[in-house]
Amino acid sequence: MTARSIPWLKFTAPPNFYVLAERLTPWLWGVAALFLVAGLYVGFFVAPPDYQQGNSYRIMFIHVPAAWMGMFLYLLMALYGAIFLIWRIKMADVMARAIAPTGALMTFLSLWTGALWGAPTWGTYWVWDARLTSTLILLFLFLGYIALHAASDDREKGGRAASLLAIIGAVNVPIIYFSVEWWYNLHQGVSVMRADGPSMAPSMLAALLLMTVAFWVYSAAIVLRRAQSETLSREARKEWAQQAACGRLTRDTRERAVAQAQQENAVSESGGQA
């Protein structure tokens, strides 16, 4: 199976990925900003107060998208980790490593905003219920991945160990999601993806969805930018990376680097025989 049979595989070559990320990132920043402004406006100026919680519920428009993104990013990190372990695609390890800090940030943000929301709603900042505890474990898994990757001087060995941790830890994500159904806790049940439709006002749902898109696009932008930096760090001695760092990467240099990378991969797959 080659990059010609599956077109997107050409972006596993670091120079091609760098150029793709360079083109996408500015657009992603702009889209994220637009959705963020729209989501905050609808959430804080259009959506009505909740009949029980008043205006305190509005922190939901940050809390819920952050919680969703934390779980999504962990599963994505574990998927890239599996790709790296199975097919030894180095860009998969780069992407997984780039995802981890943003996933940790989103998970921390969900815990922090949840505590602020819980104080007026539950009368306490923290309770050891199933969802809060499993979300805290998710934060520790992100931090453990980052620490394990950084602890090894050999990037490949560190990547393999961290990827294994990510895959094993993925079992925690469905526990977080279904915890409100499996065990008693203070969190409310599913409000959006219900068989009988969402149980919230249309303006509340619109604000929540706008903020979710904003968080998703922001995460894509920051992950791609971080992956670019990681790629340049790993390829720092190569001509294309030195040109890219100076903003002068030419097409000829990039194509030569891609051809060289494909040749190195072919040699590696054949057991070191050119």
C-alpha atoms as a PDB file:
ATOM      1  CA  MET A   1       0.000   0.000   0.000  1.00  0.00           C
ATOM      2  CA  THR A   2       1.553   3.254  -1.132  1.00  0.00           C
ATOM      3  CA  ALA A   3       0.931   6.955  -0.870  1.00  0.00           C
ATOM      4  CA  ARG A   4      -0.403   6.848  -4.468  1.00  0.00           C
ATOM      5  CA  SER A   5      -3.096   4.279  -3.612  1.00  0.00           C
ATOM      6  CA  ILE A   6      -4.194   6.300  -0.565  1.00  0.00           C
ATOM      7  CA  PRO A   7      -3.696  10.023  -1.348  1.00  0.00           C
ATOM      8  CA  TRP A   8      -3.738  11.266   2.250  1.00  0.00           C
ATOM      9  CA  LEU A   9      -0.753   9.052   3.095  1.00  0.00           C
ATOM     10  CA  LYS A  10       1.439  11.618   1.351  1.00  0.00           C
ATOM     11  CA  PHE A  11       0.945  13.813   4.420  1.00  0.00           C
ATOM     12  CA  THR A  12       2.776  11.279   6.570  1.00  0.00           C
ATOM     13  CA  ALA A  13       5.922  12.742   4.990  1.00  0.00           C
ATOM     14  CA  PRO A  14       7.019  15.541   7.365  1.00  0.00           C
ATOM     15  CA  PRO A  15       7.579  18.207   4.634  1.00  0.00           C
ATOM     16  CA  ASN A  16       4.120  17.629   3.139  1.00  0.00           C
ATOM     17  CA  PHE A  17       2.496  17.709   6.559  1.00  0.00           C
ATOM     18  CA  TYR A  18       4.292  20.928   7.444  1.00  0.00           C
ATOM     19  CA  VAL A  19       3.031  22.677   4.308  1.00  0.00           C
ATOM     20  CA  LEU A  20      -0.530  21.396   4.825  1.00  0.00           C
ATOM     21  CA  ALA A  21      -0.583  22.610   8.430  1.00  0.00           C
ATOM     22  CA  GLU A  22       0.880  25.961   7.374  1.00  0.00           C
ATOM     23  CA  ARG A  23      -2.006  26.469   4.948  1.00  0.00           C
ATOM     24  CA  LEU A  24      -4.792  25.254   7.247  1.00  0.00           C
ATOM     25  CA  THR A  25      -3.858  26.880  10.541  1.00  0.00           C
ATOM     26  CA  PRO A  26      -4.657  30.554   9.714  1.00  0.00           C
ATOM     27  CA  TRP A  27      -8.103  29.564   8.427  1.00  0.00           C
ATOM     28  CA  LEU A  28      -8.748  27.472  11.520  1.00  0.00           C
ATOM     29  CA  TRP A  29      -7.840  30.375  13.815  1.00  0.00           C
ATOM     30  CA  GLY A  30     -10.287  32.607  11.973  1.00  0.00           C
ATOM     31  CA  VAL A  31     -13.130  30.072  12.032  1.00  0.00           C
ATOM     32  CA  ALA A  32     -12.547  29.356  15.725  1.00  0.00           C
ATOM     33  CA  ALA A  33     -12.720  33.071  16.562  1.00  0.00           C
ATOM     34  CA  LEU A  34     -15.972  33.538  14.617  1.00  0.00           C
ATOM     35  CA  PHE A  35     -17.703  30.600  16.285  1.00  0.00           C
ATOM     36  CA  LEU A  36     -16.399  31.632  19.703  1.00  0.00           C
ATOM     37  CA  VAL A  37     -17.796  35.152  19.386  1.00  0.00           C
ATOM     38  CA  ALA A  38     -21.127  33.824  18.079  1.00  0.00           C
ATOM     39  CA  GLY A  39     -21.344  31.182  20.803  1.00  0.00           C
ATOM     40  CA  LEU A  40     -20.574  33.603  23.624  1.00  0.00           C
ATOM     41  CA  TYR A  41     -23.089  36.133  22.279  1.00  0.00           C
ATOM     42  CA  VAL A  42     -25.919  33.599  21.995  1.00  0.00           C
ATOM     43  CA  GLY A  43     -25.007  31.946  25.284  1.00  0.00           C
ATOM     44  CA  PHE A  44     -24.784  35.107  27.386  1.00  0.00           C
ATOM     45  CA  PHE A  45     -27.160  37.527  25.635  1.00  0.00           C
ATOM     46  CA  VAL A  46     -29.773  35.454  23.776  1.00  0.00           C
ATOM     47  CA  ALA A  47     -30.306  32.256  25.770  1.00  0.00           C
ATOM     48  CA  PRO A  48     -32.781  32.752  28.642  1.00  0.00           C
ATOM     49  CA  PRO A  49     -31.961  32.105  32.312  1.00  0.00           C
ATOM     50  CA  ASP A  50     -32.594  28.577  33.553  1.00  0.00           C
ATOM     51  CA  TYR A  51     -35.798  28.195  35.548  1.00  0.00           C
ATOM     52  CA  GLN A  52     -33.908  26.521  38.424  1.00  0.00           C
ATOM     53  CA  GLN A  53     -30.296  27.729  38.240  1.00  0.00           C
ATOM     54  CA  GLY A  54     -30.827  31.239  36.943  1.00  0.00           C
ATOM     55  CA  ASN A  55     -27.756  32.603  35.159  1.00  0.00           C
ATOM     56  CA  SER A  56     -25.223  30.323  36.869  1.00  0.00           C
ATOM     57  CA  TYR A  57     -25.915  27.594  34.308  1.00  0.00           C
ATOM     58  CA  ARG A  58     -24.242  29.696  31.564  1.00  0.00           C
ATOM     59  CA  ILE A  59     -20.857  28.309  32.539  1.00  0.00           C
ATOM     60  CA  MET A  60     -22.170  25.178  30.819  1.00  0.00           C
ATOM     61  CA  PHE A  61     -21.285  26.762  27.478  1.00  0.00           C
ATOM     62  CA  ILE A  62     -17.604  26.437  28.411  1.00  0.00           C
ATOM     63  CA  HIS A  63     -17.769  23.426  30.712  1.00  0.00           C
ATOM     64  CA  VAL A  64     -19.556  21.003  28.404  1.00  0.00           C
ATOM     65  CA  PRO A  65     -17.541  21.666  25.191  1.00  0.00           C
ATOM     66  CA  ALA A  66     -14.313  21.420  27.200  1.00  0.00           C
ATOM     67  CA  ALA A  67     -15.420  18.085  28.684  1.00  0.00           C
ATOM     68  CA  TRP A  68     -16.414  16.738  25.260  1.00  0.00           C
ATOM     69  CA  MET A  69     -13.120  17.868  23.744  1.00  0.00           C
ATOM     70  CA  GLY A  70     -11.098  16.281  26.534  1.00  0.00           C
ATOM     71  CA  MET A  71     -12.686  12.890  25.846  1.00  0.00           C
ATOM     72  CA  PHE A  72     -12.514  13.255  22.061  1.00  0.00           C
ATOM     73  CA  LEU A  73      -8.864  14.316  22.098  1.00  0.00           C
ATOM     74  CA  TYR A  74      -7.902  11.403  24.325  1.00  0.00           C
ATOM     75  CA  LEU A  75      -9.508   8.906  21.944  1.00  0.00           C
ATOM     76  CA  LEU A  76      -7.789  10.639  19.014  1.00  0.00           C
ATOM     77  CA  MET A  77      -4.454  10.518  20.841  1.00  0.00           C
ATOM     78  CA  ALA A  78      -4.943   6.802  21.521  1.00  0.00           C
ATOM     79  CA  LEU A  79      -5.818   6.219  17.849  1.00  0.00           C
ATOM     80  CA  TYR A  80      -2.642   7.940  16.687  1.00  0.00           C
ATOM     81  CA  GLY A  81      -0.734   5.938  19.289  1.00  0.00           C
ATOM     82  CA  ALA A  82      -2.133   2.697  17.860  1.00  0.00           C
ATOM     83  CA  ILE A  83      -1.200   3.770  14.316  1.00  0.00           C
ATOM     84  CA  PHE A  84       2.336   4.502  15.505  1.00  0.00           C
ATOM     85  CA  LEU A  85       2.663   1.139  17.279  1.00  0.00           C
ATOM     86  CA  ILE A  86       1.241  -0.902  14.397  1.00  0.00           C
ATOM     87  CA  TRP A  87       2.569   0.854  11.278  1.00  0.00           C
ATOM     88  CA  ARG A  88       5.502   2.820  12.735  1.00  0.00           C
ATOM     89  CA  ILE A  89       4.318   6.037  11.081  1.00  0.00           C
ATOM     90  CA  LYS A  90       6.344   8.694  12.865  1.00  0.00           C
ATOM     91  CA  MET A  91       3.918  11.508  12.077  1.00  0.00           C
ATOM     92  CA  ALA A  92       1.289   9.602  14.064  1.00  0.00           C
ATOM     93  CA  ASP A  93       3.509   9.867  17.131  1.00  0.00           C
ATOM     94  CA  VAL A  94       4.042  13.558  16.384  1.00  0.00           C
ATOM     95  CA  MET A  95       0.277  14.119  16.243  1.00  0.00           C
ATOM     96  CA  ALA A  96      -0.367  12.156  19.430  1.00  0.00           C
ATOM     97  CA  ARG A  97       2.282  14.124  21.277  1.00  0.00           C
ATOM     98  CA  ALA A  98       0.853  17.400  19.932  1.00  0.00           C
ATOM     99  CA  ILE A  99      -2.654  16.464  21.096  1.00  0.00           C
ATOM    100  CA  ALA A 100      -1.728  15.628  24.702  1.00  0.00           C
ATOM    101  CA  PRO A 101      -1.204  19.191  26.087  1.00  0.00           C
ATOM    102  CA  THR A 102      -4.423  20.468  24.522  1.00  0.00           C
ATOM    103  CA  GLY A 103      -6.323  17.444  25.814  1.00  0.00           C
ATOM    104  CA  ALA A 104      -4.934  18.053  29.295  1.00  0.00           C
ATOM    105  CA  LEU A 105      -5.929  21.731  29.060  1.00  0.00           C
ATOM    106  CA  MET A 106      -9.488  20.864  28.016  1.00  0.00           C
ATOM    107  CA  THR A 107      -9.849  18.296  30.771  1.00  0.00           C
ATOM    108  CA  PHE A 108      -8.514  20.710  33.396  1.00  0.00           C
ATOM    109  CA  LEU A 109     -10.854  23.420  32.088  1.00  0.00           C
ATOM    110  CA  SER A 110     -13.826  21.064  32.397  1.00  0.00           C
ATOM    111  CA  LEU A 111     -12.882  20.221  35.998  1.00  0.00           C
ATOM    112  CA  TRP A 112     -12.294  23.863  36.926  1.00  0.00           C
ATOM    113  CA  THR A 113     -15.500  25.200  35.371  1.00  0.00           C
ATOM    114  CA  GLY A 114     -17.370  22.223  36.804  1.00  0.00           C
ATOM    115  CA  ALA A 115     -16.170  23.187  40.277  1.00  0.00           C
ATOM    116  CA  LEU A 116     -17.310  26.784  39.746  1.00  0.00           C
ATOM    117  CA  TRP A 117     -20.674  25.529  38.525  1.00  0.00           C
ATOM    118  CA  GLY A 118     -20.992  23.025  41.344  1.00  0.00           C
ATOM    119  CA  ALA A 119     -20.524  25.573  44.133  1.00  0.00           C
ATOM    120  CA  PRO A 120     -23.869  27.389  43.637  1.00  0.00           C
ATOM    121  CA  THR A 121     -25.674  24.293  42.317  1.00  0.00           C
ATOM    122  CA  TRP A 122     -24.537  21.545  44.694  1.00  0.00           C
ATOM    123  CA  GLY A 123     -23.212  23.695  47.531  1.00  0.00           C
ATOM    124  CA  THR A 124     -19.678  22.312  47.103  1.00  0.00           C
ATOM    125  CA  TYR A 125     -16.817  22.603  44.633  1.00  0.00           C
ATOM    126  CA  TRP A 126     -16.039  18.891  44.535  1.00  0.00           C
ATOM    127  CA  VAL A 127     -17.656  15.523  45.191  1.00  0.00           C
ATOM    128  CA  TRP A 128     -16.113  12.127  44.583  1.00  0.00           C
ATOM    129  CA  ASP A 129     -18.814  10.898  42.240  1.00  0.00           C
ATOM    130  CA  ALA A 130     -18.120   8.613  39.280  1.00  0.00           C
ATOM    131  CA  ARG A 131     -17.972  11.289  36.574  1.00  0.00           C
ATOM    132  CA  LEU A 132     -15.756  13.719  38.458  1.00  0.00           C
ATOM    133  CA  THR A 133     -13.388  10.985  39.592  1.00  0.00           C
ATOM    134  CA  SER A 134     -13.080   9.408  36.135  1.00  0.00           C
ATOM    135  CA  THR A 135     -12.519  12.858  34.581  1.00  0.00           C
ATOM    136  CA  LEU A 136      -9.741  13.521  37.087  1.00  0.00           C
ATOM    137  CA  ILE A 137      -8.220  10.175  36.076  1.00  0.00           C
ATOM    138  CA  LEU A 138      -8.395  11.351  32.456  1.00  0.00           C
ATOM    139  CA  LEU A 139      -6.346  14.415  33.367  1.00  0.00           C
ATOM    140  CA  PHE A 140      -3.751  12.195  35.063  1.00  0.00           C
ATOM    141  CA  LEU A 141      -3.629   9.986  31.954  1.00  0.00           C
ATOM    142  CA  PHE A 142      -2.883  13.000  29.754  1.00  0.00           C
ATOM    143  CA  LEU A 143      -0.181  14.172  32.161  1.00  0.00           C
ATOM    144  CA  GLY A 144       1.202  10.629  32.407  1.00  0.00           C
ATOM    145  CA  TYR A 145       1.433  10.417  28.615  1.00  0.00           C
ATOM    146  CA  ILE A 146       3.317  13.715  28.470  1.00  0.00           C
ATOM    147  CA  ALA A 147       5.683  12.700  31.276  1.00  0.00           C
ATOM    148  CA  LEU A 148       6.330   9.230  29.866  1.00  0.00           C
ATOM    149  CA  HIS A 149       7.126  10.623  26.432  1.00  0.00           C
ATOM    150  CA  ALA A 150       9.487  13.218  27.910  1.00  0.00           C
ATOM    151  CA  ALA A 151      11.210  10.782  30.264  1.00  0.00           C
ATOM    152  CA  SER A 152      12.965   8.844  27.496  1.00  0.00           C
ATOM    153  CA  ASP A 153      15.970  10.177  25.590  1.00  0.00           C
ATOM    154  CA  ASP A 154      14.957   7.923  22.690  1.00  0.00           C
ATOM    155  CA  ARG A 155      11.895   9.469  21.011  1.00  0.00           C
ATOM    156  CA  GLU A 156      10.801   6.161  19.495  1.00  0.00           C
ATOM    157  CA  LYS A 157      10.986   4.207  22.748  1.00  0.00           C
ATOM    158  CA  GLY A 158       9.262   7.019  24.615  1.00  0.00           C
ATOM    159  CA  GLY A 159       6.594   7.153  21.925  1.00  0.00           C
ATOM    160  CA  ARG A 160       5.940   3.426  22.135  1.00  0.00           C
ATOM    161  CA  ALA A 161       5.609   3.480  25.924  1.00  0.00           C
ATOM    162  CA  ALA A 162       3.372   6.557  25.888  1.00  0.00           C
ATOM    163  CA  SER A 163       1.237   5.126  23.077  1.00  0.00           C
ATOM    164  CA  LEU A 164       0.672   1.936  25.050  1.00  0.00           C
ATOM    165  CA  LEU A 165      -0.458   3.988  28.046  1.00  0.00           C
ATOM    166  CA  ALA A 166      -2.829   5.983  25.830  1.00  0.00           C
ATOM    167  CA  ILE A 167      -4.399   2.840  24.376  1.00  0.00           C
ATOM    168  CA  ILE A 168      -4.891   1.205  27.770  1.00  0.00           C
ATOM    169  CA  GLY A 169      -6.270   4.419  29.261  1.00  0.00           C
ATOM    170  CA  ALA A 170      -8.867   4.762  26.493  1.00  0.00           C
ATOM    171  CA  VAL A 171     -11.134   2.442  28.490  1.00  0.00           C
ATOM    172  CA  ASN A 172     -11.697   5.369  30.861  1.00  0.00           C
ATOM    173  CA  VAL A 173     -13.512   7.460  28.226  1.00  0.00           C
ATOM    174  CA  PRO A 174     -16.685   5.331  27.989  1.00  0.00           C
ATOM    175  CA  ILE A 175     -16.658   5.150  31.794  1.00  0.00           C
ATOM    176  CA  ILE A 176     -16.804   8.959  31.914  1.00  0.00           C
ATOM    177  CA  TYR A 177     -19.551   9.158  29.318  1.00  0.00           C
ATOM    178  CA  PHE A 178     -21.824   6.438  30.718  1.00  0.00           C
ATOM    179  CA  SER A 179     -21.105   7.073  34.404  1.00  0.00           C
ATOM    180  CA  VAL A 180     -24.362   9.024  34.831  1.00  0.00           C
ATOM    181  CA  GLU A 181     -26.274   5.942  33.677  1.00  0.00           C
ATOM    182  CA  TRP A 182     -24.235   3.251  35.422  1.00  0.00           C
ATOM    183  CA  TRP A 183     -23.914   4.828  38.886  1.00  0.00           C
ATOM    184  CA  TYR A 184     -25.678   7.348  41.045  1.00  0.00           C
ATOM    185  CA  ASN A 185     -24.052  10.788  40.919  1.00  0.00           C
ATOM    186  CA  LEU A 186     -24.993  14.442  41.058  1.00  0.00           C
ATOM    187  CA  HIS A 187     -24.533  15.090  37.345  1.00  0.00           C
ATOM    188  CA  GLN A 188     -27.678  15.332  35.260  1.00  0.00           C
ATOM    189  CA  GLY A 189     -28.345  12.783  32.548  1.00  0.00           C
ATOM    190  CA  VAL A 190     -28.004  13.203  28.794  1.00  0.00           C
ATOM    191  CA  SER A 191     -29.546  16.486  27.618  1.00  0.00           C
ATOM    192  CA  VAL A 192     -28.532  16.714  23.940  1.00  0.00           C
ATOM    193  CA  MET A 193     -28.324  13.286  22.286  1.00  0.00           C
ATOM    194  CA  ARG A 194     -31.694  11.945  23.444  1.00  0.00           C
ATOM    195  CA  ALA A 195     -34.106   9.759  21.499  1.00  0.00           C
ATOM    196  CA  ASP A 196     -36.928  12.247  22.153  1.00  0.00           C
ATOM    197  CA  GLY A 197     -34.803  15.287  21.272  1.00  0.00           C
ATOM    198  CA  PRO A 198     -32.726  17.750  23.333  1.00  0.00           C
ATOM    199  CA  SER A 199     -34.184  18.760  26.700  1.00  0.00           C
ATOM    200  CA  MET A 200     -33.128  22.408  26.513  1.00  0.00           C
ATOM    201  CA  ALA A 201     -34.299  25.599  24.854  1.00  0.00           C
ATOM    202  CA  PRO A 202     -33.282  25.988  21.185  1.00  0.00           C
ATOM    203  CA  SER A 203     -31.169  29.072  21.952  1.00  0.00           C
ATOM    204  CA  MET A 204     -29.316  27.176  24.695  1.00  0.00           C
ATOM    205  CA  LEU A 205     -28.664  24.283  22.318  1.00  0.00           C
ATOM    206  CA  ALA A 206     -27.507  26.685  19.592  1.00  0.00           C
ATOM    207  CA  ALA A 207     -25.038  28.353  21.958  1.00  0.00           C
ATOM    208  CA  LEU A 208     -23.742  24.973  23.126  1.00  0.00           C
ATOM    209  CA  LEU A 209     -23.211  23.732  19.574  1.00  0.00           C
ATOM    210  CA  LEU A 210     -21.529  26.981  18.481  1.00  0.00           C
ATOM    211  CA  MET A 211     -19.123  26.793  21.423  1.00  0.00           C
ATOM    212  CA  THR A 212     -18.451  23.113  20.708  1.00  0.00           C
ATOM    213  CA  VAL A 213     -17.454  23.920  17.131  1.00  0.00           C
ATOM    214  CA  ALA A 214     -15.277  26.789  18.402  1.00  0.00           C
ATOM    215  CA  PHE A 215     -13.474  24.480  20.838  1.00  0.00           C
ATOM    216  CA  TRP A 216     -13.070  21.792  18.182  1.00  0.00           C
ATOM    217  CA  VAL A 217     -11.602  24.159  15.566  1.00  0.00           C
ATOM    218  CA  TYR A 218      -9.369  25.846  18.147  1.00  0.00           C
ATOM    219  CA  SER A 219      -8.045  22.440  19.190  1.00  0.00           C
ATOM    220  CA  ALA A 220      -7.356  21.516  15.562  1.00  0.00           C
ATOM    221  CA  ALA A 221      -5.444  24.771  15.022  1.00  0.00           C
ATOM    222  CA  ILE A 222      -3.293  24.542  18.143  1.00  0.00           C
ATOM    223  CA  VAL A 223      -2.563  20.842  17.634  1.00  0.00           C
ATOM    224  CA  LEU A 224      -1.460  21.412  14.048  1.00  0.00           C
ATOM    225  CA  ARG A 225       0.752  24.310  15.100  1.00  0.00           C
ATOM    226  CA  ARG A 226       2.326  22.268  17.887  1.00  0.00           C
ATOM    227  CA  ALA A 227       2.821  19.340  15.500  1.00  0.00           C
ATOM    228  CA  GLN A 228       4.615  21.684  13.109  1.00  0.00           C
ATOM    229  CA  SER A 229       7.045  22.695  15.855  1.00  0.00           C
ATOM    230  CA  GLU A 230       7.597  19.069  16.847  1.00  0.00           C
ATOM    231  CA  THR A 231       8.244  18.136  13.219  1.00  0.00           C
ATOM    232  CA  LEU A 232      10.830  20.879  12.789  1.00  0.00           C
ATOM    233  CA  SER A 233      12.502  19.785  16.031  1.00  0.00           C
ATOM    234  CA  ARG A 234      12.776  16.181  14.859  1.00  0.00           C
ATOM    235  CA  GLU A 235      13.965  17.129  11.373  1.00  0.00           C
ATOM    236  CA  ALA A 236      16.151  20.052  12.467  1.00  0.00           C
ATOM    237  CA  ARG A 237      19.280  18.788  10.677  1.00  0.00           C
ATOM    238  CA  LYS A 238      17.577  18.430   7.308  1.00  0.00           C
ATOM    239  CA  GLU A 239      17.667  21.126   4.667  1.00  0.00           C
ATOM    240  CA  TRP A 240      13.903  21.411   4.247  1.00  0.00           C
ATOM    241  CA  ALA A 241      13.392  22.004   7.992  1.00  0.00           C
ATOM    242  CA  GLN A 242      16.073  24.671   8.086  1.00  0.00           C
ATOM    243  CA  GLN A 243      14.459  26.436   5.131  1.00  0.00           C
ATOM    244  CA  ALA A 244      10.986  26.105   6.686  1.00  0.00           C
ATOM    245  CA  ALA A 245      12.204  27.569   9.971  1.00  0.00           C
ATOM    246  CA  CYS A 246      13.366  30.632   8.044  1.00  0.00           C
ATOM    247  CA  GLY A 247      10.147  30.825   6.022  1.00  0.00           C
ATOM    248  CA  ARG A 248      11.946  30.008   2.741  1.00  0.00           C
ATOM    249  CA  LEU A 249      10.937  26.412   1.996  1.00  0.00           C
ATOM    250  CA  THR A 250      10.949  25.863  -1.767  1.00  0.00           C
ATOM    251  CA  ARG A 251       8.933  23.297  -3.667  1.00  0.00           C
ATOM    252  CA  ASP A 252      12.049  21.602  -5.058  1.00  0.00           C
ATOM    253  CA  THR A 253      13.550  21.183  -1.593  1.00  0.00           C
ATOM    254  CA  ARG A 254      10.280  19.798  -0.261  1.00  0.00           C
ATOM    255  CA  GLU A 255       9.928  17.292  -3.100  1.00  0.00           C
ATOM    256  CA  ARG A 256      13.517  16.092  -2.633  1.00  0.00           C
ATOM    257  CA  ALA A 257      12.899  15.680   1.112  1.00  0.00           C
ATOM    258  CA  VAL A 258       9.700  13.710   0.455  1.00  0.00           C
ATOM    259  CA  ALA A 259      11.477  11.411  -1.993  1.00  0.00           C
ATOM    260  CA  GLN A 260      14.259  10.851   0.523  1.00  0.00           C
ATOM    261  CA  ALA A 261      11.749  10.093   3.279  1.00  0.00           C
ATOM    262  CA  GLN A 262       9.954   7.559   1.056  1.00  0.00           C
ATOM    263  CA  GLN A 263      13.262   5.896   0.229  1.00  0.00           C
ATOM    264  CA  GLU A 264      14.185   5.680   3.924  1.00  0.00           C
ATOM    265  CA  ASN A 265      10.799   4.132   4.703  1.00  0.00           C
ATOM    266  CA  ALA A 266      11.231   1.577   1.911  1.00  0.00           C
ATOM    267  CA  VAL A 267      14.656   0.591   3.264  1.00  0.00           C
ATOM    268  CA  SER A 268      13.256   0.323   6.773  1.00  0.00           C
ATOM    269  CA  GLU A 269      10.357  -1.888   5.644  1.00  0.00           C
ATOM    270  CA  SER A 270      12.716  -4.184   3.702  1.00  0.00           C
ATOM    271  CA  GLY A 271      14.781  -4.837   6.809  1.00  0.00           C
ATOM    272  CA  GLY A 272      17.578  -2.389   6.083  1.00  0.00           C
ATOM    273  CA  GLN A 273      18.407  -3.665   2.580  1.00  0.00           C
ATOM    274  CA  ALA A 274      18.370  -0.951  -0.084  1.00  0.00           C
END
